[in-house]
Amino acid sequence: MRTLSIREMRNELGRLDRLISTEGEILITRRGKPIARLIPAGGARKKPSHADLRAAMPRLATGSERLLRAERDER
């Protein structure tokens, strides 16, 4: 994500479409405080699939069925 002040944004207005397509998101600030966020239309971010999320999680040393059985037996 790129951060631009209002003045910089006005100077870059002519190529704003190219800037958004390359940067993805643009944060516009006034006196250092964010006031707006520009994102490409049609969804800037690709949502990860469930398979991607599962692959990113570390494997448990003990299977979940054993953990559940142990917890139920303790009750």
C-alpha atoms as a PDB file:
ATOM      1  CA  MET A   1       0.000   0.000   0.000  1.00  0.00           C
ATOM      2  CA  ARG A   2       1.352   3.371  -0.967  1.00  0.00           C
ATOM      3  CA  THR A   3       0.752   6.517   1.057  1.00  0.00           C
ATOM      4  CA  LEU A   4       0.241   9.876  -0.656  1.00  0.00           C
ATOM      5  CA  SER A   5      -0.489  13.298   0.735  1.00  0.00           C
ATOM      6  CA  ILE A   6      -3.297  15.293  -0.839  1.00  0.00           C
ATOM      7  CA  ARG A   7      -0.778  17.400  -2.743  1.00  0.00           C
ATOM      8  CA  GLU A   8       1.011  14.317  -4.107  1.00  0.00           C
ATOM      9  CA  MET A   9      -2.330  12.796  -5.086  1.00  0.00           C
ATOM     10  CA  ARG A  10      -3.288  15.913  -7.029  1.00  0.00           C
ATOM     11  CA  ASN A  11       0.031  15.790  -8.875  1.00  0.00           C
ATOM     12  CA  GLU A  12      -0.459  12.080  -9.681  1.00  0.00           C
ATOM     13  CA  LEU A  13      -4.131  12.417 -10.663  1.00  0.00           C
ATOM     14  CA  GLY A  14      -3.386  12.005 -14.371  1.00  0.00           C
ATOM     15  CA  ARG A  15      -1.904   8.559 -13.830  1.00  0.00           C
ATOM     16  CA  LEU A  16      -4.004   7.499 -10.873  1.00  0.00           C
ATOM     17  CA  ASP A  17      -5.400   4.481 -12.748  1.00  0.00           C
ATOM     18  CA  ARG A  18      -1.908   3.090 -13.390  1.00  0.00           C
ATOM     19  CA  LEU A  19      -0.853   3.864  -9.844  1.00  0.00           C
ATOM     20  CA  ILE A  20      -3.780   1.957  -8.353  1.00  0.00           C
ATOM     21  CA  SER A  21      -3.261  -1.017 -10.659  1.00  0.00           C
ATOM     22  CA  THR A  22       0.420  -1.311  -9.669  1.00  0.00           C
ATOM     23  CA  GLU A  23       0.120  -0.477  -5.958  1.00  0.00           C
ATOM     24  CA  GLY A  24      -3.230  -2.132  -5.223  1.00  0.00           C
ATOM     25  CA  GLU A  25      -4.221   0.291  -2.466  1.00  0.00           C
ATOM     26  CA  ILE A  26      -3.430   3.949  -1.925  1.00  0.00           C
ATOM     27  CA  LEU A  27      -3.785   5.713   1.411  1.00  0.00           C
ATOM     28  CA  ILE A  28      -4.374   9.468   1.176  1.00  0.00           C
ATOM     29  CA  THR A  29      -3.290  11.612   4.098  1.00  0.00           C
ATOM     30  CA  ARG A  30      -3.788  15.173   5.239  1.00  0.00           C
ATOM     31  CA  ARG A  31      -1.121  16.489   7.589  1.00  0.00           C
ATOM     32  CA  GLY A  32       0.038  12.935   8.200  1.00  0.00           C
ATOM     33  CA  LYS A  33      -3.385  11.585   9.203  1.00  0.00           C
ATOM     34  CA  PRO A  34      -5.190   9.147   6.905  1.00  0.00           C
ATOM     35  CA  ILE A  35      -8.396  10.489   5.365  1.00  0.00           C
ATOM     36  CA  ALA A  36      -9.139   8.081   2.496  1.00  0.00           C
ATOM     37  CA  ARG A  37      -8.169   4.745   1.018  1.00  0.00           C
ATOM     38  CA  LEU A  38      -8.402   4.013  -2.701  1.00  0.00           C
ATOM     39  CA  ILE A  39      -8.737   0.429  -3.921  1.00  0.00           C
ATOM     40  CA  PRO A  40      -9.329  -0.950  -7.404  1.00  0.00           C
ATOM     41  CA  ALA A  41     -12.950  -1.583  -8.339  1.00  0.00           C
ATOM     42  CA  GLY A  42     -14.015  -5.197  -8.499  1.00  0.00           C
ATOM     43  CA  GLY A  43     -12.091  -6.348  -5.472  1.00  0.00           C
ATOM     44  CA  ALA A  44      -8.477  -5.540  -4.937  1.00  0.00           C
ATOM     45  CA  ARG A  45      -7.651  -8.547  -2.835  1.00  0.00           C
ATOM     46  CA  LYS A  46      -7.990 -12.186  -3.657  1.00  0.00           C
ATOM     47  CA  LYS A  47      -9.554 -14.044  -0.766  1.00  0.00           C
ATOM     48  CA  PRO A  48      -7.589 -17.130   0.196  1.00  0.00           C
ATOM     49  CA  SER A  49      -9.309 -20.454  -0.286  1.00  0.00           C
ATOM     50  CA  HIS A  50      -9.978 -22.814   2.598  1.00  0.00           C
ATOM     51  CA  ALA A  51      -7.304 -25.133   1.233  1.00  0.00           C
ATOM     52  CA  ASP A  52      -4.755 -22.299   1.350  1.00  0.00           C
ATOM     53  CA  LEU A  53      -5.697 -21.486   4.941  1.00  0.00           C
ATOM     54  CA  ARG A  54      -5.464 -25.139   5.997  1.00  0.00           C
ATOM     55  CA  ALA A  55      -2.079 -25.493   4.308  1.00  0.00           C
ATOM     56  CA  ALA A  56      -0.789 -22.436   6.180  1.00  0.00           C
ATOM     57  CA  MET A  57      -1.743 -23.858   9.589  1.00  0.00           C
ATOM     58  CA  PRO A  58       0.830 -25.982  11.411  1.00  0.00           C
ATOM     59  CA  ARG A  59       0.057 -29.666  11.918  1.00  0.00           C
ATOM     60  CA  LEU A  60      -0.885 -30.769  15.430  1.00  0.00           C
ATOM     61  CA  ALA A  61       1.319 -33.370  17.091  1.00  0.00           C
ATOM     62  CA  THR A  62      -1.804 -35.168  18.342  1.00  0.00           C
ATOM     63  CA  GLY A  63      -4.855 -35.697  16.186  1.00  0.00           C
ATOM     64  CA  SER A  64      -7.960 -33.662  16.974  1.00  0.00           C
ATOM     65  CA  GLU A  65     -10.029 -36.791  17.544  1.00  0.00           C
ATOM     66  CA  ARG A  66      -7.697 -37.841  20.381  1.00  0.00           C
ATOM     67  CA  LEU A  67      -7.730 -34.356  21.907  1.00  0.00           C
ATOM     68  CA  LEU A  68     -11.538 -34.285  21.835  1.00  0.00           C
ATOM     69  CA  ARG A  69     -11.782 -37.787  23.320  1.00  0.00           C
ATOM     70  CA  ALA A  70      -9.385 -36.847  26.145  1.00  0.00           C
ATOM     71  CA  GLU A  71     -11.344 -33.664  26.900  1.00  0.00           C
ATOM     72  CA  ARG A  72     -14.656 -35.549  26.956  1.00  0.00           C
ATOM     73  CA  ASP A  73     -13.226 -38.280  29.199  1.00  0.00           C
ATOM     74  CA  GLU A  74     -12.106 -35.635  31.725  1.00  0.00           C
ATOM     75  CA  ARG A  75     -15.681 -34.428  32.237  1.00  0.00           C
END
